C-alpha atoms as a PDB file:
ATOM      1  CA  MET A   1    -127.931  -7.719  59.178  1.00  0.00           C
ATOM      2  CA  SER A   2    -130.311  -5.074  56.988  1.00  0.00           C
ATOM      3  CA  GLU A   3    -131.919  -2.344  57.899  1.00  0.00           C
ATOM      4  CA  GLN A   4    -134.886  -3.530  57.632  1.00  0.00           C
ATOM      5  CA  ALA A   5    -134.896  -6.440  59.431  1.00  0.00           C
ATOM      6  CA  THR A   6    -134.012  -7.268  63.434  1.00  0.00           C
ATOM      7  CA  SER A   7    -132.152  -9.916  64.871  1.00  0.00           C
ATOM      8  CA  GLY A   8    -134.620 -12.171  66.519  1.00  0.00           C
ATOM      9  CA  LYS A   9    -134.495 -12.136  70.687  1.00  0.00           C
ATOM     10  CA  PRO A  10    -135.563 -15.156  72.498  1.00  0.00           C
ATOM     11  CA  LEU A  11    -138.425 -14.164  74.829  1.00  0.00           C
ATOM     12  CA  GLY A  12    -136.887 -14.845  78.239  1.00  0.00           C
ATOM     13  CA  LEU A  13    -137.747 -17.410  81.142  1.00  0.00           C
ATOM     14  CA  ALA A  14    -140.000 -19.769  78.993  1.00  0.00           C
ATOM     15  CA  SER A  15    -138.321 -19.218  75.443  1.00  0.00           C
ATOM     16  CA  GLU A  16    -135.415 -19.949  75.398  1.00  0.00           C
ATOM     17  CA  ILE A  17    -133.961 -23.276  72.944  1.00  0.00           C
ATOM     18  CA  THR A  18    -135.764 -26.556  74.336  1.00  0.00           C
ATOM     19  CA  SER A  19    -135.226 -30.369  73.260  1.00  0.00           C
ATOM     20  CA  GLY A  20    -139.060 -30.858  72.839  1.00  0.00           C
ATOM     21  CA  GLU A  21    -140.221 -30.728  76.650  1.00  0.00           C
ATOM     22  CA  SER A  22    -143.623 -29.343  77.098  1.00  0.00           C
ATOM     23  CA  PHE A  23    -142.980 -25.241  77.054  1.00  0.00           C
ATOM     24  CA  SER A  24    -145.381 -22.475  78.100  1.00  0.00           C
ATOM     25  CA  MET A  25    -144.821 -18.622  78.249  1.00  0.00           C
ATOM     26  CA  PRO A  26    -144.539 -17.252  81.575  1.00  0.00           C
ATOM     27  CA  LYS A  27    -147.802 -17.434  83.441  1.00  0.00           C
ATOM     28  CA  GLY A  28    -147.805 -13.492  84.532  1.00  0.00           C
ATOM     29  CA  PRO A  29    -147.376 -11.852  81.930  1.00  0.00           C
ATOM     30  CA  GLU A  30    -149.095 -14.561  79.433  1.00  0.00           C
ATOM     31  CA  ALA A  31    -152.512 -14.093  81.685  1.00  0.00           C
ATOM     32  CA  ASN A  32    -152.272 -10.587  81.463  1.00  0.00           C
ATOM     33  CA  ARG A  33    -151.920 -10.839  77.198  1.00  0.00           C
ATOM     34  CA  ARG A  34    -154.737 -13.112  77.275  1.00  0.00           C
ATOM     35  CA  ASN A  35    -156.766 -11.546  79.034  1.00  0.00           C
ATOM     36  CA  TRP A  36    -156.264  -7.997  77.018  1.00  0.00           C
ATOM     37  CA  MET A  37    -156.750 -10.148  73.995  1.00  0.00           C
ATOM     38  CA  ILE A  38    -159.818 -11.876  74.623  1.00  0.00           C
ATOM     39  CA  ALA A  39    -161.138  -8.494  75.877  1.00  0.00           C
ATOM     40  CA  CYS A  40    -160.832  -7.418  72.354  1.00  0.00           C
ATOM     41  CA  GLY A  41    -162.014 -10.256  71.174  1.00  0.00           C
ATOM     42  CA  GLY A  42    -159.942 -12.526  70.748  1.00  0.00           C
ATOM     43  CA  ALA A  43    -157.573 -10.641  68.197  1.00  0.00           C
ATOM     44  CA  ALA A  44    -154.348 -12.803  67.073  1.00  0.00           C
ATOM     45  CA  THR A  45    -152.648  -9.182  66.569  1.00  0.00           C
ATOM     46  CA  VAL A  46    -151.165  -7.734  69.475  1.00  0.00           C
ATOM     47  CA  ALA A  47    -150.248  -3.999  69.560  1.00  0.00           C
ATOM     48  CA  GLY A  48    -147.077  -3.046  70.418  1.00  0.00           C
ATOM     49  CA  ALA A  49    -147.915  -0.937  73.261  1.00  0.00           C
ATOM     50  CA  ALA A  50    -150.064  -3.500  74.852  1.00  0.00           C
ATOM     51  CA  VAL A  51    -147.512  -6.460  74.597  1.00  0.00           C
ATOM     52  CA  ALA A  52    -147.040  -8.099  77.768  1.00  0.00           C
ATOM     53  CA  VAL A  53    -145.064 -10.822  76.466  1.00  0.00           C
ATOM     54  CA  PRO A  54    -141.444 -10.194  77.917  1.00  0.00           C
ATOM     55  CA  PHE A  55    -138.411  -8.684  76.277  1.00  0.00           C
ATOM     56  CA  LEU A  56    -134.650  -9.376  76.860  1.00  0.00           C
ATOM     57  CA  GLY A  57    -133.408  -6.838  79.189  1.00  0.00           C
ATOM     58  CA  SER A  58    -130.641  -6.724  76.242  1.00  0.00           C
ATOM     59  CA  MET A  59    -132.912  -5.178  74.036  1.00  0.00           C
ATOM     60  CA  ALA A  60    -132.568  -1.169  73.306  1.00  0.00           C
ATOM     61  CA  PRO A  61    -135.528   0.346  73.025  1.00  0.00           C
ATOM     62  CA  SER A  62    -135.182   1.278  68.897  1.00  0.00           C
ATOM     63  CA  ASP A  63    -134.870  -3.021  68.760  1.00  0.00           C
ATOM     64  CA  ARG A  64    -137.982  -3.141  70.537  1.00  0.00           C
ATOM     65  CA  ALA A  65    -139.443  -0.384  68.298  1.00  0.00           C
ATOM     66  CA  LYS A  66    -138.262  -2.027  65.243  1.00  0.00           C
ATOM     67  CA  SER A  67    -139.675  -5.400  66.186  1.00  0.00           C
ATOM     68  CA  ALA A  68    -142.742  -4.536  66.709  1.00  0.00           C
ATOM     69  CA  GLY A  69    -143.460  -4.376  62.964  1.00  0.00           C
ATOM     70  CA  ALA A  70    -139.854  -4.896  61.159  1.00  0.00           C
ATOM     71  CA  PRO A  71    -139.110  -8.785  59.506  1.00  0.00           C
ATOM     72  CA  VAL A  72    -136.751 -10.778  62.394  1.00  0.00           C
ATOM     73  CA  GLU A  73    -133.768 -12.769  61.073  1.00  0.00           C
ATOM     74  CA  VAL A  74    -132.956 -15.304  63.124  1.00  0.00           C
ATOM     75  CA  ASP A  75    -129.991 -18.349  63.529  1.00  0.00           C
ATOM     76  CA  ILE A  76    -131.569 -21.850  63.329  1.00  0.00           C
ATOM     77  CA  SER A  77    -128.333 -23.607  63.357  1.00  0.00           C
ATOM     78  CA  ASP A  78    -128.594 -24.178  67.105  1.00  0.00           C
ATOM     79  CA  ILE A  79    -132.111 -26.255  67.104  1.00  0.00           C
ATOM     80  CA  PRO A  80    -131.892 -29.989  67.870  1.00  0.00           C
ATOM     81  CA  LEU A  81    -133.920 -32.452  66.009  1.00  0.00           C
ATOM     82  CA  GLY A  82    -136.558 -32.583  67.667  1.00  0.00           C
ATOM     83  CA  GLY A  83    -136.470 -29.224  69.430  1.00  0.00           C
ATOM     84  CA  VAL A  84    -137.426 -25.638  69.595  1.00  0.00           C
ATOM     85  CA  LYS A  85    -136.727 -21.911  69.225  1.00  0.00           C
ATOM     86  CA  ILE A  86    -138.749 -18.794  70.269  1.00  0.00           C
ATOM     87  CA  VAL A  87    -138.479 -15.646  69.537  1.00  0.00           C
ATOM     88  CA  GLU A  88    -140.771 -12.615  69.230  1.00  0.00           C
ATOM     89  CA  TRP A  89    -142.007 -10.658  66.308  1.00  0.00           C
ATOM     90  CA  ARG A  90    -144.768  -8.085  66.141  1.00  0.00           C
ATOM     91  CA  GLY A  91    -145.386  -9.049  70.050  1.00  0.00           C
ATOM     92  CA  LYS A  92    -146.236 -12.452  69.196  1.00  0.00           C
ATOM     93  CA  PRO A  93    -144.233 -15.349  70.064  1.00  0.00           C
ATOM     94  CA  VAL A  94    -142.949 -17.679  66.801  1.00  0.00           C
ATOM     95  CA  TRP A  95    -142.194 -21.314  67.393  1.00  0.00           C
ATOM     96  CA  ILE A  96    -139.553 -22.369  65.099  1.00  0.00           C
ATOM     97  CA  VAL A  97    -139.367 -26.405  65.377  1.00  0.00           C
ATOM     98  CA  ARG A  98    -136.963 -28.403  63.739  1.00  0.00           C
ATOM     99  CA  ARG A  99    -138.952 -32.041  64.069  1.00  0.00           C
ATOM    100  CA  THR A 100    -137.927 -35.600  63.781  1.00  0.00           C
ATOM    101  CA  PRO A 101    -138.812 -37.866  60.683  1.00  0.00           C
ATOM    102  CA  GLU A 102    -140.879 -39.678  63.484  1.00  0.00           C
ATOM    103  CA  GLN A 103    -142.891 -36.496  63.488  1.00  0.00           C
ATOM    104  CA  LEU A 104    -143.108 -35.923  60.173  1.00  0.00           C
ATOM    105  CA  GLU A 105    -144.637 -39.178  59.808  1.00  0.00           C
ATOM    106  CA  SER A 106    -146.990 -38.729  62.382  1.00  0.00           C
ATOM    107  CA  LEU A 107    -148.654 -35.981  60.343  1.00  0.00           C
ATOM    108  CA  LYS A 108    -150.479 -38.754  57.603  1.00  0.00           C
ATOM    109  CA  ALA A 109    -151.519 -40.889  60.673  1.00  0.00           C
ATOM    110  CA  VAL A 110    -153.516 -37.754  62.105  1.00  0.00           C
ATOM    111  CA  GLU A 111    -155.134 -36.554  58.681  1.00  0.00           C
ATOM    112  CA  SER A 112    -158.399 -38.098  59.036  1.00  0.00           C
ATOM    113  CA  GLN A 113    -159.043 -36.582  62.622  1.00  0.00           C
ATOM    114  CA  LEU A 114    -158.063 -32.991  61.699  1.00  0.00           C
ATOM    115  CA  ALA A 115    -160.249 -30.168  60.898  1.00  0.00           C
ATOM    116  CA  ASP A 116    -158.584 -28.389  58.114  1.00  0.00           C
ATOM    117  CA  PRO A 117    -155.913 -30.523  56.616  1.00  0.00           C
ATOM    118  CA  GLY A 118    -155.002 -28.742  53.588  1.00  0.00           C
ATOM    119  CA  SER A 119    -155.133 -25.295  55.383  1.00  0.00           C
ATOM    120  CA  ASN A 120    -157.825 -24.256  52.984  1.00  0.00           C
ATOM    121  CA  ARG A 121    -159.473 -22.019  55.711  1.00  0.00           C
ATOM    122  CA  LYS A 122    -159.798 -18.258  54.793  1.00  0.00           C
ATOM    123  CA  ASP A 123    -159.834 -16.620  58.014  1.00  0.00           C
ATOM    124  CA  ILE A 124    -156.000 -16.809  58.571  1.00  0.00           C
ATOM    125  CA  PRO A 125    -153.941 -16.574  55.384  1.00  0.00           C
ATOM    126  CA  ILE A 126    -151.722 -19.115  54.864  1.00  0.00           C
ATOM    127  CA  PRO A 127    -148.454 -18.347  52.495  1.00  0.00           C
ATOM    128  CA  ASP A 128    -148.887 -20.999  49.462  1.00  0.00           C
ATOM    129  CA  TYR A 129    -145.502 -22.823  50.392  1.00  0.00           C
ATOM    130  CA  ALA A 130    -147.361 -23.291  53.734  1.00  0.00           C
ATOM    131  CA  LYS A 131    -150.109 -25.235  52.058  1.00  0.00           C
ATOM    132  CA  ASN A 132    -148.812 -28.818  52.126  1.00  0.00           C
ATOM    133  CA  GLN A 133    -149.093 -31.373  54.481  1.00  0.00           C
ATOM    134  CA  THR A 134    -145.997 -29.907  56.921  1.00  0.00           C
ATOM    135  CA  ARG A 135    -146.853 -26.631  56.344  1.00  0.00           C
ATOM    136  CA  SER A 136    -143.508 -25.314  56.042  1.00  0.00           C
ATOM    137  CA  ILE A 137    -140.732 -24.500  52.913  1.00  0.00           C
ATOM    138  CA  LYS A 138    -138.270 -27.389  54.522  1.00  0.00           C
ATOM    139  CA  PRO A 139    -140.222 -30.255  55.754  1.00  0.00           C
ATOM    140  CA  GLU A 140    -138.224 -30.369  58.849  1.00  0.00           C
ATOM    141  CA  VAL A 141    -138.818 -26.773  59.978  1.00  0.00           C
ATOM    142  CA  LEU A 142    -142.096 -25.633  61.243  1.00  0.00           C
ATOM    143  CA  VAL A 143    -142.219 -21.779  61.348  1.00  0.00           C
ATOM    144  CA  THR A 144    -145.511 -20.941  63.406  1.00  0.00           C
ATOM    145  CA  VAL A 145    -147.118 -18.523  65.488  1.00  0.00           C
ATOM    146  CA  GLY A 146    -147.897 -19.757  68.718  1.00  0.00           C
ATOM    147  CA  ILE A 147    -151.394 -18.172  69.754  1.00  0.00           C
ATOM    148  CA  CYS A 148    -154.265 -20.154  69.911  1.00  0.00           C
ATOM    149  CA  THR A 149    -157.007 -19.323  67.109  1.00  0.00           C
ATOM    150  CA  HIS A 150    -159.767 -19.448  69.744  1.00  0.00           C
ATOM    151  CA  LEU A 151    -159.124 -16.711  72.487  1.00  0.00           C
ATOM    152  CA  GLY A 152    -155.469 -15.714  71.994  1.00  0.00           C
ATOM    153  CA  CYS A 153    -154.201 -18.402  74.773  1.00  0.00           C
ATOM    154  CA  SER A 154    -150.619 -19.722  74.400  1.00  0.00           C
ATOM    155  CA  PRO A 155    -150.424 -23.349  73.706  1.00  0.00           C
ATOM    156  CA  VAL A 156    -148.026 -25.896  75.125  1.00  0.00           C
ATOM    157  CA  SER A 157    -145.643 -28.757  73.657  1.00  0.00           C
ATOM    158  CA  LYS A 158    -147.012 -32.419  73.942  1.00  0.00           C
ATOM    159  CA  PHE A 159    -144.328 -33.764  71.941  1.00  0.00           C
ATOM    160  CA  GLU A 160    -144.452 -37.218  73.754  1.00  0.00           C
ATOM    161  CA  LYS A 161    -146.841 -39.649  71.913  1.00  0.00           C
ATOM    162  CA  GLY A 162    -149.391 -41.676  73.692  1.00  0.00           C
ATOM    163  CA  ALA A 163    -150.565 -41.657  77.215  1.00  0.00           C
ATOM    164  CA  ALA A 164    -147.079 -40.336  78.683  1.00  0.00           C
ATOM    165  CA  SER A 165    -148.273 -36.838  77.185  1.00  0.00           C
ATOM    166  CA  GLY A 166    -151.554 -36.642  79.211  1.00  0.00           C
ATOM    167  CA  ILE A 167    -153.871 -36.217  76.011  1.00  0.00           C
ATOM    168  CA  ALA A 168    -154.817 -39.522  74.651  1.00  0.00           C
ATOM    169  CA  ASN A 169    -153.728 -42.793  74.358  1.00  0.00           C
ATOM    170  CA  ASP A 170    -153.440 -42.199  70.645  1.00  0.00           C
ATOM    171  CA  TRP A 171    -151.796 -39.287  71.003  1.00  0.00           C
ATOM    172  CA  GLN A 172    -149.150 -38.707  67.864  1.00  0.00           C
ATOM    173  CA  GLY A 173    -147.444 -35.537  69.709  1.00  0.00           C
ATOM    174  CA  GLY A 174    -148.393 -31.620  68.976  1.00  0.00           C
ATOM    175  CA  PHE A 175    -149.355 -28.518  70.860  1.00  0.00           C
ATOM    176  CA  PHE A 176    -151.929 -28.449  73.493  1.00  0.00           C
ATOM    177  CA  CYS A 177    -154.070 -25.358  74.575  1.00  0.00           C
ATOM    178  CA  PRO A 178    -155.120 -26.081  78.228  1.00  0.00           C
ATOM    179  CA  CYS A 179    -157.259 -22.725  78.570  1.00  0.00           C
ATOM    180  CA  HIS A 180    -160.284 -24.837  76.344  1.00  0.00           C
ATOM    181  CA  GLY A 181    -158.691 -27.812  75.157  1.00  0.00           C
ATOM    182  CA  SER A 182    -157.964 -27.233  71.435  1.00  0.00           C
ATOM    183  CA  SER A 183    -155.330 -29.430  69.997  1.00  0.00           C
ATOM    184  CA  PHE A 184    -152.933 -29.154  67.196  1.00  0.00           C
ATOM    185  CA  ASP A 185    -150.979 -31.788  65.059  1.00  0.00           C
ATOM    186  CA  MET A 186    -146.857 -31.737  64.917  1.00  0.00           C
ATOM    187  CA  ALA A 187    -147.903 -28.738  61.871  1.00  0.00           C
ATOM    188  CA  GLY A 188    -150.344 -26.668  63.807  1.00  0.00           C
ATOM    189  CA  ARG A 189    -153.385 -27.942  62.067  1.00  0.00           C
ATOM    190  CA  VAL A 190    -156.395 -28.001  64.642  1.00  0.00           C
ATOM    191  CA  PHE A 191    -158.502 -31.619  65.470  1.00  0.00           C
ATOM    192  CA  ALA A 192    -162.003 -31.229  64.336  1.00  0.00           C
ATOM    193  CA  ASN A 193    -164.459 -30.618  66.652  1.00  0.00           C
ATOM    194  CA  LYS A 194    -162.023 -28.104  68.912  1.00  0.00           C
ATOM    195  CA  PRO A 195    -162.862 -24.939  70.084  1.00  0.00           C
ATOM    196  CA  ALA A 196    -159.976 -23.442  67.792  1.00  0.00           C
ATOM    197  CA  PRO A 197    -161.449 -22.508  63.949  1.00  0.00           C
ATOM    198  CA  ASP A 198    -158.515 -22.356  62.426  1.00  0.00           C
ATOM    199  CA  ASN A 199    -155.117 -23.793  62.518  1.00  0.00           C
ATOM    200  CA  LEU A 200    -152.192 -21.729  64.077  1.00  0.00           C
ATOM    201  CA  GLU A 201    -150.917 -18.960  61.905  1.00  0.00           C
ATOM    202  CA  VAL A 202    -147.864 -19.831  59.610  1.00  0.00           C
ATOM    203  CA  PRO A 203    -146.157 -16.005  59.044  1.00  0.00           C
ATOM    204  CA  ARG A 204    -144.789 -14.711  55.583  1.00  0.00           C
ATOM    205  CA  HIS A 205    -140.766 -16.278  55.652  1.00  0.00           C
ATOM    206  CA  MET A 206    -138.174 -17.211  53.985  1.00  0.00           C
ATOM    207  CA  TYR A 207    -134.557 -18.433  53.850  1.00  0.00           C
ATOM    208  CA  LEU A 208    -131.298 -16.505  53.833  1.00  0.00           C
ATOM    209  CA  SER A 209    -128.982 -19.500  53.776  1.00  0.00           C
ATOM    210  CA  ASP A 210    -129.234 -23.179  55.651  1.00  0.00           C
ATOM    211  CA  THR A 211    -128.975 -21.716  58.934  1.00  0.00           C
ATOM    212  CA  ARG A 212    -130.879 -18.160  58.853  1.00  0.00           C
ATOM    213  CA  LEU A 213    -134.266 -17.341  58.007  1.00  0.00           C
ATOM    214  CA  VAL A 214    -136.423 -13.966  58.187  1.00  0.00           C
ATOM    215  CA  ILE A 215    -139.498 -14.138  59.959  1.00  0.00           C
ATOM    216  CA  GLY A 216    -142.368 -11.155  58.477  1.00  0.00           C
ATOM    217  CA  LYS A 217    -140.920 -11.446  54.934  1.00  0.00           C
ATOM    218  CA  ASP A 218    -140.598 -13.509  51.926  1.00  0.00           C
ATOM    219  CA  GLN A 219    -140.630 -13.173  48.136  1.00  0.00           C
ATOM    220  CA  LYS A 220    -143.698 -11.226  48.054  1.00  0.00           C
ATOM    221  CA  GLY A 221    -142.643  -8.309  50.182  1.00  0.00           C
ATOM    222  CA  GLU A 222    -143.004  -7.808  54.195  1.00  0.00           C
ATOM    223  CA  ALA A 223    -146.472  -9.134  55.561  1.00  0.00           C
END
């Protein structure tokens, strides 16, 4: 491991690797973090001293300090197809989703329903390598910050299609913010006429190998 990067640590109770079932951050700490962010105007950046998202107990204080700003290296070899791994970077939950071929196909089906399908808005800059339909370097692997761009709530996964999702009969799978009803497709692109003003953030990242990536850094430097 390099001195500039810390190992990615799962966020605890609701942030282990999942096989695609609905997830959310723990209610108590998440409510505290959301209220803090709303009080600060809904900013998407969380100061290290105010992070309410739980760390694993095994993280030493020096690791906590470094992970507040340093890039984070993550092993993605254990993420199953259709599964999600959640790690923390700069006090924010980052979702790493290994999408199925069917989930990738759904991105085409919903484009006409999206507010910004090309990720052209400037409020939340996106790396050039993510300005594509999949918003990713590798089509099957999505790396996105799990914070709604409306008021900083934490959306939940709704990967089931259709009525079983509880969203809509024509739902193709994606993410849903239960606080105010914003919905996002499997690339984190927000649907039109929703409270969220922008797509989910894609942080700078790059692959170190086929099974490891680093979040918070790319060929242009650190975020």
